[in-house]
N, C-alpha and C. Protein backbone atom coordinates (compact mmCIF):
# COMPACT_ATOMS: atom_id res chain seq x y z
N MET A 1 77.99 112.02 103.86
CA MET A 1 78.96 111.05 103.41
C MET A 1 79.66 110.43 104.64
N ASN A 2 79.81 109.12 104.68
CA ASN A 2 80.48 108.47 105.81
C ASN A 2 81.95 108.74 105.75
N GLU A 3 82.53 108.92 106.92
CA GLU A 3 83.98 109.16 107.01
C GLU A 3 84.62 108.02 107.76
N ILE A 4 85.77 107.60 107.32
CA ILE A 4 86.56 106.59 108.03
C ILE A 4 87.37 107.32 109.09
N LYS A 5 87.18 106.97 110.33
CA LYS A 5 87.81 107.72 111.42
C LYS A 5 89.17 107.15 111.81
N ARG A 6 89.73 106.25 111.03
CA ARG A 6 90.99 105.63 111.38
C ARG A 6 92.13 106.42 110.68
N PRO A 7 92.93 107.16 111.44
CA PRO A 7 93.97 107.95 110.83
C PRO A 7 95.02 107.11 110.07
N MET A 8 95.17 105.82 110.41
CA MET A 8 96.19 105.03 109.73
C MET A 8 95.83 104.79 108.28
N ILE A 9 94.58 104.93 107.89
CA ILE A 9 94.26 104.80 106.48
C ILE A 9 94.92 105.93 105.69
N ASN A 10 95.09 107.09 106.30
CA ASN A 10 95.78 108.20 105.65
C ASN A 10 97.23 107.81 105.36
N ASP A 11 97.88 107.21 106.34
CA ASP A 11 99.26 106.76 106.14
C ASP A 11 99.33 105.65 105.08
N ALA A 12 98.36 104.77 105.09
CA ALA A 12 98.33 103.65 104.12
C ALA A 12 98.25 104.20 102.70
N LEU A 13 97.43 105.23 102.51
CA LEU A 13 97.29 105.81 101.19
C LEU A 13 98.56 106.56 100.75
N ARG A 14 99.21 107.19 101.71
CA ARG A 14 100.47 107.88 101.42
C ARG A 14 101.54 106.85 101.05
N LEU A 15 101.61 105.75 101.79
CA LEU A 15 102.60 104.70 101.48
C LEU A 15 102.30 104.05 100.14
N LEU A 16 101.05 103.87 99.80
CA LEU A 16 100.69 103.33 98.49
C LEU A 16 101.20 104.25 97.41
N ARG A 17 101.01 105.55 97.56
CA ARG A 17 101.49 106.51 96.57
C ARG A 17 103.00 106.46 96.45
N LEU A 18 103.68 106.40 97.59
CA LEU A 18 105.13 106.32 97.58
C LEU A 18 105.60 105.03 96.93
N TYR A 19 104.94 103.96 97.23
CA TYR A 19 105.30 102.67 96.65
C TYR A 19 105.16 102.71 95.12
N LEU A 20 104.12 103.36 94.64
CA LEU A 20 103.87 103.47 93.20
C LEU A 20 104.83 104.46 92.55
N GLY A 21 105.47 105.28 93.37
CA GLY A 21 106.46 106.24 92.87
C GLY A 21 105.82 107.40 92.12
N ILE A 22 104.66 107.83 92.56
CA ILE A 22 104.03 108.96 91.88
C ILE A 22 103.86 110.11 92.85
N SER A 23 103.80 111.30 92.29
CA SER A 23 103.67 112.52 93.11
C SER A 23 102.23 112.71 93.54
N GLN A 24 102.04 113.62 94.49
CA GLN A 24 100.70 113.96 94.93
C GLN A 24 99.89 114.54 93.76
N LYS A 25 100.57 115.33 92.96
CA LYS A 25 99.89 115.95 91.80
C LYS A 25 99.41 114.87 90.82
N GLN A 26 100.27 113.87 90.57
CA GLN A 26 99.89 112.80 89.64
C GLN A 26 98.72 111.99 90.17
N ILE A 27 98.78 111.63 91.45
CA ILE A 27 97.69 110.81 92.01
C ILE A 27 96.39 111.59 92.08
N ALA A 28 96.51 112.89 92.34
CA ALA A 28 95.30 113.74 92.35
C ALA A 28 94.63 113.72 90.98
N ALA A 29 95.44 113.85 89.94
CA ALA A 29 94.91 113.83 88.57
C ALA A 29 94.28 112.46 88.26
N GLU A 30 94.96 111.39 88.68
CA GLU A 30 94.46 110.03 88.44
C GLU A 30 93.12 109.79 89.13
N LEU A 31 92.94 110.41 90.34
CA LEU A 31 91.73 110.18 91.13
C LEU A 31 90.68 111.27 90.91
N ASP A 32 91.03 112.29 90.10
CA ASP A 32 90.13 113.40 89.85
C ASP A 32 89.74 114.15 91.13
N ILE A 33 90.79 114.39 91.96
CA ILE A 33 90.62 115.23 93.16
C ILE A 33 91.76 116.25 93.15
N SER A 34 91.69 117.23 94.01
CA SER A 34 92.72 118.27 94.02
C SER A 34 93.99 117.77 94.73
N GLN A 35 95.12 118.34 94.35
CA GLN A 35 96.38 118.00 94.99
C GLN A 35 96.35 118.39 96.46
N SER A 36 95.66 119.49 96.77
CA SER A 36 95.58 119.93 98.16
C SER A 36 94.78 118.91 99.00
N MET A 37 93.78 118.28 98.39
CA MET A 37 93.03 117.24 99.11
C MET A 37 93.90 116.05 99.39
N VAL A 38 94.72 115.62 98.41
CA VAL A 38 95.65 114.52 98.61
C VAL A 38 96.59 114.85 99.76
N SER A 39 97.11 116.06 99.76
CA SER A 39 98.03 116.51 100.81
C SER A 39 97.35 116.48 102.16
N GLU A 40 96.16 117.00 102.26
CA GLU A 40 95.42 117.01 103.52
C GLU A 40 95.10 115.60 104.02
N ILE A 41 94.76 114.71 103.10
CA ILE A 41 94.48 113.31 103.48
C ILE A 41 95.74 112.66 104.00
N GLU A 42 96.85 112.82 103.27
CA GLU A 42 98.08 112.18 103.66
C GLU A 42 98.65 112.70 104.97
N SER A 43 98.43 113.97 105.24
CA SER A 43 98.91 114.57 106.48
C SER A 43 97.99 114.26 107.67
N GLY A 44 96.80 113.75 107.38
CA GLY A 44 95.86 113.44 108.44
C GLY A 44 94.96 114.61 108.78
N ALA A 45 95.07 115.72 108.02
CA ALA A 45 94.24 116.89 108.30
C ALA A 45 92.79 116.64 107.88
N LYS A 46 92.58 115.72 106.91
CA LYS A 46 91.23 115.37 106.47
C LYS A 46 91.04 113.88 106.59
N SER A 47 89.83 113.49 106.96
CA SER A 47 89.49 112.09 106.97
C SER A 47 89.25 111.63 105.53
N VAL A 48 89.40 110.33 105.33
CA VAL A 48 89.19 109.77 104.01
C VAL A 48 87.72 109.36 103.86
N SER A 49 87.05 109.92 102.88
CA SER A 49 85.67 109.54 102.64
C SER A 49 85.64 108.17 101.94
N MET A 50 84.50 107.52 102.06
CA MET A 50 84.33 106.23 101.37
C MET A 50 84.46 106.42 99.86
N GLU A 51 84.01 107.57 99.37
CA GLU A 51 84.09 107.87 97.93
C GLU A 51 85.54 107.94 97.47
N VAL A 52 86.38 108.64 98.23
CA VAL A 52 87.77 108.75 97.85
C VAL A 52 88.49 107.41 97.98
N LEU A 53 88.18 106.67 99.03
CA LEU A 53 88.75 105.35 99.20
C LEU A 53 88.37 104.45 98.04
N GLU A 54 87.13 104.57 97.57
CA GLU A 54 86.69 103.77 96.43
C GLU A 54 87.42 104.18 95.15
N ARG A 55 87.75 105.49 95.01
CA ARG A 55 88.52 105.91 93.85
C ARG A 55 89.90 105.29 93.86
N TYR A 56 90.58 105.27 95.01
CA TYR A 56 91.88 104.61 95.10
C TYR A 56 91.73 103.14 94.72
N SER A 57 90.71 102.52 95.28
CA SER A 57 90.48 101.09 95.04
C SER A 57 90.28 100.78 93.56
N ASN A 58 89.44 101.56 92.92
CA ASN A 58 89.14 101.34 91.51
C ASN A 58 90.34 101.63 90.63
N LYS A 59 91.00 102.75 90.88
CA LYS A 59 92.11 103.17 90.02
C LYS A 59 93.28 102.21 90.10
N PHE A 60 93.59 101.71 91.29
CA PHE A 60 94.78 100.88 91.46
C PHE A 60 94.44 99.39 91.60
N ASN A 61 93.17 99.06 91.34
CA ASN A 61 92.72 97.68 91.34
C ASN A 61 93.09 96.97 92.64
N ILE A 62 92.79 97.64 93.75
CA ILE A 62 93.01 97.10 95.08
C ILE A 62 91.68 97.17 95.81
N ARG A 63 91.24 96.06 96.36
CA ARG A 63 89.97 96.05 97.10
C ARG A 63 90.05 97.01 98.29
N MET A 64 88.93 97.65 98.57
CA MET A 64 88.86 98.56 99.72
C MET A 64 89.22 97.87 100.99
N SER A 65 88.79 96.59 101.10
CA SER A 65 89.07 95.82 102.30
C SER A 65 90.57 95.61 102.47
N GLN A 66 91.31 95.47 101.34
CA GLN A 66 92.75 95.33 101.43
C GLN A 66 93.42 96.61 101.91
N LEU A 67 92.91 97.75 101.44
CA LEU A 67 93.45 99.04 101.92
C LEU A 67 93.21 99.19 103.42
N LEU A 68 92.03 98.82 103.87
CA LEU A 68 91.72 98.94 105.29
C LEU A 68 92.55 97.95 106.11
N PHE A 69 92.73 96.75 105.58
CA PHE A 69 93.56 95.75 106.28
C PHE A 69 94.99 96.26 106.40
N PHE A 70 95.52 96.82 105.33
CA PHE A 70 96.87 97.39 105.34
C PHE A 70 96.97 98.48 106.41
N ALA A 71 95.96 99.32 106.50
CA ALA A 71 95.95 100.40 107.50
C ALA A 71 95.94 99.81 108.91
N GLU A 72 95.18 98.74 109.11
CA GLU A 72 95.16 98.09 110.42
C GLU A 72 96.52 97.49 110.77
N GLU A 73 97.18 96.89 109.76
CA GLU A 73 98.53 96.33 109.99
C GLU A 73 99.51 97.45 110.34
N LEU A 74 99.39 98.59 109.70
CA LEU A 74 100.27 99.72 110.01
C LEU A 74 100.08 100.16 111.46
N GLU A 75 98.81 100.18 111.89
CA GLU A 75 98.49 100.62 113.25
C GLU A 75 99.10 99.68 114.27
N ALA A 76 99.15 98.39 113.94
CA ALA A 76 99.71 97.40 114.86
C ALA A 76 101.23 97.32 114.79
N THR A 77 101.83 97.98 113.80
CA THR A 77 103.26 97.90 113.59
C THR A 77 103.98 98.95 114.45
N PRO A 78 105.04 98.55 115.19
CA PRO A 78 105.78 99.55 115.94
C PRO A 78 106.34 100.65 115.07
N ALA A 79 106.52 101.84 115.65
CA ALA A 79 106.98 103.03 114.89
C ALA A 79 108.28 102.74 114.14
N MET A 80 109.19 101.94 114.71
CA MET A 80 110.44 101.66 114.04
C MET A 80 110.20 100.96 112.70
N LYS A 81 109.28 100.02 112.67
CA LYS A 81 109.00 99.30 111.43
C LYS A 81 108.31 100.22 110.42
N LYS A 82 107.49 101.14 110.88
CA LYS A 82 106.85 102.10 109.96
C LYS A 82 107.91 102.92 109.27
N GLY A 83 108.90 103.37 110.01
CA GLY A 83 110.00 104.13 109.44
C GLY A 83 110.71 103.34 108.39
N LYS A 84 110.92 102.04 108.65
CA LYS A 84 111.57 101.15 107.68
C LYS A 84 110.74 101.06 106.39
N LEU A 85 109.41 101.02 106.52
CA LEU A 85 108.57 100.98 105.33
C LEU A 85 108.76 102.21 104.48
N ILE A 86 108.83 103.37 105.13
CA ILE A 86 109.02 104.63 104.41
C ILE A 86 110.38 104.68 103.77
N ILE A 87 111.39 104.27 104.51
CA ILE A 87 112.77 104.25 103.97
C ILE A 87 112.85 103.29 102.79
N ALA A 88 112.24 102.12 102.96
CA ALA A 88 112.29 101.10 101.91
C ALA A 88 111.66 101.66 100.62
N SER A 89 110.54 102.33 100.73
CA SER A 89 109.92 102.87 99.52
C SER A 89 110.78 103.94 98.89
N ASN A 90 111.47 104.74 99.69
CA ASN A 90 112.39 105.75 99.13
C ASN A 90 113.59 105.10 98.46
N VAL A 91 114.10 104.02 99.04
CA VAL A 91 115.23 103.30 98.44
C VAL A 91 114.79 102.73 97.10
N LEU A 92 113.60 102.13 97.05
CA LEU A 92 113.10 101.58 95.77
C LEU A 92 112.99 102.69 94.70
N LYS A 93 112.49 103.84 95.13
CA LYS A 93 112.36 104.97 94.21
C LYS A 93 113.74 105.41 93.71
N LEU A 94 114.69 105.50 94.60
CA LEU A 94 116.06 105.86 94.23
C LEU A 94 116.64 104.86 93.23
N LEU A 95 116.47 103.57 93.53
CA LEU A 95 116.98 102.54 92.63
C LEU A 95 116.33 102.60 91.25
N GLU A 96 115.03 102.89 91.23
CA GLU A 96 114.34 103.04 89.95
C GLU A 96 114.92 104.17 89.14
N ASN A 97 115.25 105.27 89.82
CA ASN A 97 115.83 106.44 89.15
C ASN A 97 117.23 106.16 88.63
N LEU A 98 117.97 105.30 89.33
CA LEU A 98 119.35 105.01 88.94
C LEU A 98 119.42 103.88 87.89
N ALA A 99 118.38 103.12 87.78
CA ALA A 99 118.39 101.97 86.81
C ALA A 99 118.46 102.48 85.40
N PRO A 100 119.24 101.77 84.56
CA PRO A 100 119.30 102.19 83.15
C PRO A 100 117.91 102.05 82.50
N ARG A 101 117.59 103.02 81.68
CA ARG A 101 116.28 102.99 80.98
C ARG A 101 116.40 102.15 79.74
N GLU A 102 115.30 101.41 79.50
CA GLU A 102 115.27 100.61 78.26
C GLU A 102 114.98 101.56 77.11
N ILE A 103 115.69 101.40 76.07
CA ILE A 103 115.52 102.24 74.88
C ILE A 103 114.76 101.43 73.86
N ALA A 104 113.62 101.94 73.44
CA ALA A 104 112.81 101.25 72.47
C ALA A 104 113.53 101.29 71.12
N ASN A 105 113.58 100.15 70.48
CA ASN A 105 114.19 100.06 69.12
C ASN A 105 113.31 100.78 68.13
N ALA A 106 113.91 101.65 67.39
CA ALA A 106 113.16 102.33 66.32
C ALA A 106 113.11 101.41 65.11
N SER A 107 111.92 101.16 64.63
CA SER A 107 111.78 100.25 63.48
C SER A 107 111.34 101.03 62.27
């Protein structure tokens, strides 16, 4: 199986998960892989196989080329801006948790 040797793809997949506001356990279930594999990929301990990248692509309706392009943009981004991306995703998550929930009308 071919492996993508660019570690920034690991960060891109982690940021995608954070942006979507889902846990490693949830994304593992969605992609039919183990939570430990998700953790190893996100930490950079494991390379991302083309098969796993394709699962992300199919599940979240994002072209593989877009994921790779995002990873390349991250690599070209200074560390300070990467931190801002992580902080921004956490702020969005916090705001989502604080937002009032819509209550479905019982009919």
